[in-house]
Amino acid sequence: MRAQHAKKHSPWQTVLITGASSGIGEALAYALAVPNRQIALVARRKERLEKVAQAIRDRGGEPLVLACDVGDPRAVQEAASRLRQTLGTIDIAFLNAGIGSRGIAQNLTSAEAEQVMRVNYLGVVYWLDQLLPDMQKHNRGTIVVTSSLAAYRALPGCGTYCAAKSAVSALIESYQIDLLATNVHLVLVTPYFVETEMTGFDPYRSRRVWMSAADAAQRILQGVEAGKHHIAFPWHFRCFMTGLSLLPLPLYRMFWRLVRRGG
């Protein structure tokens, strides 16, 4: 996303981005970097955050580096305390941190499942716990939470990941209703086919299917700016996953049998 596009978001003077060291989070940081905007960057890898912070400074922004494992509640509490002391109330937060999982039933380990749930689901819960009270007190603020189209229906080969993202989507959909009478807004983002460190990069992938993290960040910001409560892309995979979600379990199992047999 071009920097000039980010200038439209002038009401957002204080921004928080988790998962800001790479992928969509990093792309959001660059897109939002304009003079005098304060952007808090959260991720585990401090050295990567420092590089993103320098790029924000080069654009005139004011970064705050918060090295933090979102899956550690004490680390989140400490980072949030420093955030409040430095920036005060956040105008908009992008809870984007996440990890992938390719585990199947035959090799599932509880340690991997716990780690995926801790980062992808509880990492969101921990930050909501820190952000929502202040936003509700001031009756303003936006929190944008990244889930996945994989939350629509469990896919083979990534059960733990689907479970974590399904939990995220259910939580945000419920909280959106809880907060209807307030000026605190929750936005659910369900992407797929975005090239990041988590999904890997393949130069031979079809450009008609896969998109860059920068393009994904642009779609997210445009959706938030348009007042959307749910931002899903790409549209063709959203339609596919919606169709799968409507199938009764026997038909869903039959579908995958046919796929594995090659039709």
Foldseek 3Di string as FASTA:
>chain_A
DDQVVLVVVVVFQEEEEEPCLWFLNVLLLLNNQAANREYEYEEQDQVSVVVSQVSSVVRRYHYHYQRAQLLDLVSLVVSLVVCCVPPNAGAEYEYEDAAFAQDAPVDDDVVVLVVRLSRLAVSVVSNCVSHVVSCVVVLHHEYEYEAALLCLDPDGRGNSNNVNSVNVVVVQVVVQVVCVVTRYAYAYEHEPQEDIPRVHDDPPDDCVAHDYSNVVSVQVVVCVVVVHRYGYDDPVVNVVSNVLSPDDPVVNVVVVVCVVVVD
